[in-house]
Amino acid sequence: MAYKWYSEETKRQALKLYLEGLGFRSIGRLLNCCHVAVYQWIKQYGEKAQLTLPTTELEVVEMEEMHSYIGSKKRLLGVDSG
């Protein structure tokens, strides 16, 4: 099986469709190419981008929404939420 070359425009279109939420197989069907090629193009774009993570430490905060929601319901019913 001979390798088929695709234009940069086709590869950019694949990236746009991927960023819109389409899967590799869907993109392959739309662009009439192999889903494995689409995967490799997306992977190459990611490697070229070289996204860097923030150097500052992130802080994680957990919120308990159910407690405040249930507590507010009890107050509406006249029950002491304690």
N, C-alpha and C. Protein backbone atom coordinates (compact mmCIF):
# COMPACT_ATOMS: atom_id res chain seq x y z
N MET A 1 0.85 -1.19 0.00
CA MET A 1 0.00 0.00 0.00
C MET A 1 0.89 1.25 0.00
N ALA A 2 0.68 2.12 -0.93
CA ALA A 2 1.48 3.34 -1.06
C ALA A 2 1.01 4.39 -0.06
N TYR A 3 1.96 5.14 0.45
CA TYR A 3 1.65 6.21 1.40
C TYR A 3 1.11 7.40 0.63
N LYS A 4 0.03 7.96 1.10
CA LYS A 4 -0.58 9.12 0.45
C LYS A 4 -0.20 10.38 1.22
N TRP A 5 0.30 11.37 0.52
CA TRP A 5 0.69 12.63 1.14
C TRP A 5 -0.51 13.56 1.20
N TYR A 6 -0.67 14.25 2.31
CA TYR A 6 -1.77 15.19 2.49
C TYR A 6 -1.21 16.59 2.64
N SER A 7 -1.97 17.55 2.20
CA SER A 7 -1.52 18.94 2.26
C SER A 7 -1.56 19.46 3.69
N GLU A 8 -0.83 20.53 3.92
CA GLU A 8 -0.85 21.17 5.24
C GLU A 8 -2.24 21.70 5.55
N GLU A 9 -2.98 22.11 4.54
CA GLU A 9 -4.35 22.60 4.74
C GLU A 9 -5.24 21.48 5.29
N THR A 10 -5.09 20.27 4.76
CA THR A 10 -5.86 19.12 5.26
C THR A 10 -5.50 18.83 6.71
N LYS A 11 -4.23 18.92 7.02
CA LYS A 11 -3.79 18.67 8.39
C LYS A 11 -4.30 19.74 9.34
N ARG A 12 -4.31 20.99 8.91
CA ARG A 12 -4.86 22.08 9.75
C ARG A 12 -6.36 21.91 9.94
N GLN A 13 -7.05 21.48 8.88
CA GLN A 13 -8.49 21.23 8.98
C GLN A 13 -8.76 20.11 9.99
N ALA A 14 -7.93 19.08 9.98
CA ALA A 14 -8.06 17.99 10.95
C ALA A 14 -7.89 18.52 12.37
N LEU A 15 -6.90 19.39 12.56
CA LEU A 15 -6.68 19.97 13.89
C LEU A 15 -7.88 20.80 14.33
N LYS A 16 -8.43 21.60 13.43
CA LYS A 16 -9.60 22.41 13.76
C LYS A 16 -10.78 21.53 14.17
N LEU A 17 -11.01 20.46 13.42
CA LEU A 17 -12.11 19.55 13.75
C LEU A 17 -11.87 18.86 15.09
N TYR A 18 -10.63 18.50 15.36
CA TYR A 18 -10.30 17.88 16.65
C TYR A 18 -10.57 18.84 17.80
N LEU A 19 -10.19 20.10 17.61
CA LEU A 19 -10.41 21.09 18.67
C LEU A 19 -11.89 21.41 18.85
N GLU A 20 -12.70 21.13 17.83
CA GLU A 20 -14.15 21.30 17.94
C GLU A 20 -14.81 20.11 18.62
N GLY A 21 -14.02 19.06 18.89
CA GLY A 21 -14.56 17.93 19.65
C GLY A 21 -14.80 16.66 18.86
N LEU A 22 -14.46 16.63 17.58
CA LEU A 22 -14.65 15.42 16.80
C LEU A 22 -13.55 14.41 17.12
N GLY A 23 -13.87 13.14 16.96
CA GLY A 23 -12.92 12.08 17.19
C GLY A 23 -12.08 11.82 15.95
N PHE A 24 -11.03 11.03 16.13
CA PHE A 24 -10.11 10.74 15.03
C PHE A 24 -10.81 10.04 13.87
N ARG A 25 -11.66 9.08 14.18
CA ARG A 25 -12.36 8.35 13.11
C ARG A 25 -13.33 9.25 12.36
N SER A 26 -14.03 10.11 13.07
CA SER A 26 -14.95 11.04 12.41
C SER A 26 -14.20 11.98 11.48
N ILE A 27 -13.09 12.48 11.95
CA ILE A 27 -12.28 13.39 11.14
C ILE A 27 -11.77 12.66 9.90
N GLY A 28 -11.33 11.43 10.08
CA GLY A 28 -10.85 10.64 8.96
C GLY A 28 -11.93 10.44 7.91
N ARG A 29 -13.16 10.17 8.36
CA ARG A 29 -14.27 10.01 7.40
C ARG A 29 -14.56 11.30 6.66
N LEU A 30 -14.56 12.42 7.38
CA LEU A 30 -14.86 13.71 6.76
C LEU A 30 -13.79 14.14 5.76
N LEU A 31 -12.53 13.88 6.09
CA LEU A 31 -11.43 14.33 5.23
C LEU A 31 -10.95 13.24 4.28
N ASN A 32 -11.60 12.08 4.33
CA ASN A 32 -11.26 10.95 3.46
C ASN A 32 -9.79 10.54 3.63
N CYS A 33 -9.43 10.30 4.89
CA CYS A 33 -8.07 9.84 5.19
C CYS A 33 -8.14 8.85 6.35
N CYS A 34 -7.03 8.26 6.67
CA CYS A 34 -6.95 7.26 7.73
C CYS A 34 -6.98 7.93 9.11
N HIS A 35 -7.72 7.34 10.05
CA HIS A 35 -7.80 7.91 11.39
C HIS A 35 -6.45 7.87 12.11
N VAL A 36 -5.60 6.91 11.75
CA VAL A 36 -4.27 6.83 12.36
C VAL A 36 -3.43 8.03 11.91
N ALA A 37 -3.57 8.43 10.64
CA ALA A 37 -2.86 9.61 10.14
C ALA A 37 -3.33 10.85 10.90
N VAL A 38 -4.63 10.96 11.13
CA VAL A 38 -5.18 12.10 11.87
C VAL A 38 -4.58 12.14 13.27
N TYR A 39 -4.52 10.99 13.92
CA TYR A 39 -3.93 10.91 15.26
C TYR A 39 -2.48 11.41 15.24
N GLN A 40 -1.72 10.97 14.25
CA GLN A 40 -0.31 11.36 14.17
C GLN A 40 -0.17 12.86 13.92
N TRP A 41 -1.03 13.44 13.09
CA TRP A 41 -0.98 14.88 12.82
C TRP A 41 -1.24 15.67 14.10
N ILE A 42 -2.28 15.25 14.84
CA ILE A 42 -2.64 15.95 16.08
C ILE A 42 -1.49 15.84 17.08
N LYS A 43 -0.91 14.66 17.17
CA LYS A 43 0.21 14.45 18.08
C LYS A 43 1.39 15.35 17.70
N GLN A 44 1.68 15.45 16.41
CA GLN A 44 2.78 16.31 15.95
C GLN A 44 2.52 17.78 16.26
N TYR A 45 1.28 18.23 16.07
CA TYR A 45 0.95 19.62 16.41
C TYR A 45 1.16 19.87 17.89
N GLY A 46 0.79 18.91 18.73
CA GLY A 46 0.98 19.05 20.16
C GLY A 46 2.44 19.12 20.54
N GLU A 47 3.26 18.30 19.90
CA GLU A 47 4.69 18.33 20.19
C GLU A 47 5.33 19.64 19.73
N LYS A 48 4.86 20.18 18.61
CA LYS A 48 5.39 21.46 18.12
C LYS A 48 5.01 22.61 19.04
N ALA A 49 3.82 22.52 19.61
CA ALA A 49 3.33 23.61 20.47
C ALA A 49 4.17 23.75 21.73
N GLN A 50 4.69 22.65 22.24
CA GLN A 50 5.50 22.63 23.45
C GLN A 50 4.87 23.46 24.56
N LEU A 51 3.66 23.07 24.91
CA LEU A 51 2.96 23.78 25.97
C LEU A 51 3.70 23.62 27.28
N THR A 52 3.88 24.71 27.99
CA THR A 52 4.59 24.66 29.26
C THR A 52 3.59 24.78 30.40
N LEU A 53 3.87 24.08 31.46
CA LEU A 53 3.03 24.15 32.65
C LEU A 53 3.46 25.36 33.48
N PRO A 54 2.53 25.93 34.23
CA PRO A 54 2.92 27.05 35.08
C PRO A 54 3.96 26.62 36.12
N THR A 55 4.91 27.51 36.38
CA THR A 55 5.97 27.17 37.33
C THR A 55 5.54 27.41 38.78
N THR A 56 4.48 28.16 38.98
CA THR A 56 4.01 28.40 40.34
C THR A 56 3.19 27.21 40.80
N GLU A 57 3.19 27.00 42.10
CA GLU A 57 2.46 25.89 42.67
C GLU A 57 0.96 26.21 42.67
N LEU A 58 0.17 25.24 42.29
CA LEU A 58 -1.28 25.42 42.26
C LEU A 58 -1.87 25.03 43.59
N GLU A 59 -2.93 25.73 43.97
CA GLU A 59 -3.62 25.43 45.22
C GLU A 59 -4.99 24.87 44.89
N VAL A 60 -5.33 23.75 45.51
CA VAL A 60 -6.61 23.10 45.26
C VAL A 60 -7.51 23.33 46.46
N VAL A 61 -8.73 23.79 46.20
CA VAL A 61 -9.70 24.04 47.25
C VAL A 61 -10.94 23.21 46.95
N GLU A 62 -11.42 22.47 47.94
CA GLU A 62 -12.63 21.68 47.76
C GLU A 62 -13.78 22.38 48.46
N MET A 63 -14.90 22.43 47.76
CA MET A 63 -16.10 23.07 48.31
C MET A 63 -17.18 22.00 48.48
N GLU A 64 -17.93 22.11 49.54
CA GLU A 64 -19.02 21.18 49.77
C GLU A 64 -20.33 21.90 49.43
N GLU A 65 -20.76 21.76 48.21
CA GLU A 65 -21.98 22.44 47.77
C GLU A 65 -23.22 21.79 48.37
N MET A 66 -23.21 20.49 48.54
CA MET A 66 -24.40 19.80 49.04
C MET A 66 -24.74 20.25 50.46
N HIS A 67 -23.74 20.50 51.29
CA HIS A 67 -23.99 20.92 52.66
C HIS A 67 -24.74 22.25 52.68
N SER A 68 -24.28 23.22 51.92
CA SER A 68 -24.94 24.52 51.93
C SER A 68 -26.31 24.44 51.27
N TYR A 69 -26.45 23.61 50.25
CA TYR A 69 -27.75 23.47 49.59
C TYR A 69 -28.76 22.81 50.51
N ILE A 70 -28.37 21.71 51.15
CA ILE A 70 -29.28 21.01 52.06
C ILE A 70 -29.58 21.89 53.27
N GLY A 71 -28.56 22.59 53.76
CA GLY A 71 -28.77 23.48 54.90
C GLY A 71 -29.77 24.58 54.57
N SER A 72 -29.72 25.13 53.38
CA SER A 72 -30.65 26.20 53.02
C SER A 72 -32.06 25.64 52.87
N LYS A 73 -32.21 24.41 52.42
CA LYS A 73 -33.53 23.79 52.30
C LYS A 73 -34.14 23.58 53.68
N LYS A 74 -33.32 23.17 54.65
CA LYS A 74 -33.83 22.93 55.99
C LYS A 74 -34.31 24.24 56.61
N ARG A 75 -33.62 25.33 56.35
CA ARG A 75 -34.05 26.63 56.90
C ARG A 75 -35.37 27.04 56.29
N LEU A 76 -35.59 26.76 55.05
CA LEU A 76 -36.85 27.11 54.40
C LEU A 76 -38.01 26.34 55.01
N LEU A 77 -37.75 25.13 55.47
CA LEU A 77 -38.80 24.31 56.04
C LEU A 77 -38.98 24.56 57.54
N GLY A 78 -38.15 25.42 58.11
CA GLY A 78 -38.26 25.71 59.52
C GLY A 78 -37.52 24.71 60.40
N VAL A 79 -36.65 23.90 59.80
CA VAL A 79 -35.87 22.93 60.55
C VAL A 79 -34.52 23.53 60.85
N ASP A 80 -34.04 23.37 62.07
CA ASP A 80 -32.73 23.90 62.44
C ASP A 80 -31.64 23.08 61.75
N SER A 81 -30.76 23.74 60.99
CA SER A 81 -29.72 23.01 60.28
C SER A 81 -28.51 22.74 61.15
N GLY A 82 -28.52 23.18 62.38
CA GLY A 82 -27.52 22.83 63.36
C GLY A 82 -26.21 23.34 63.07
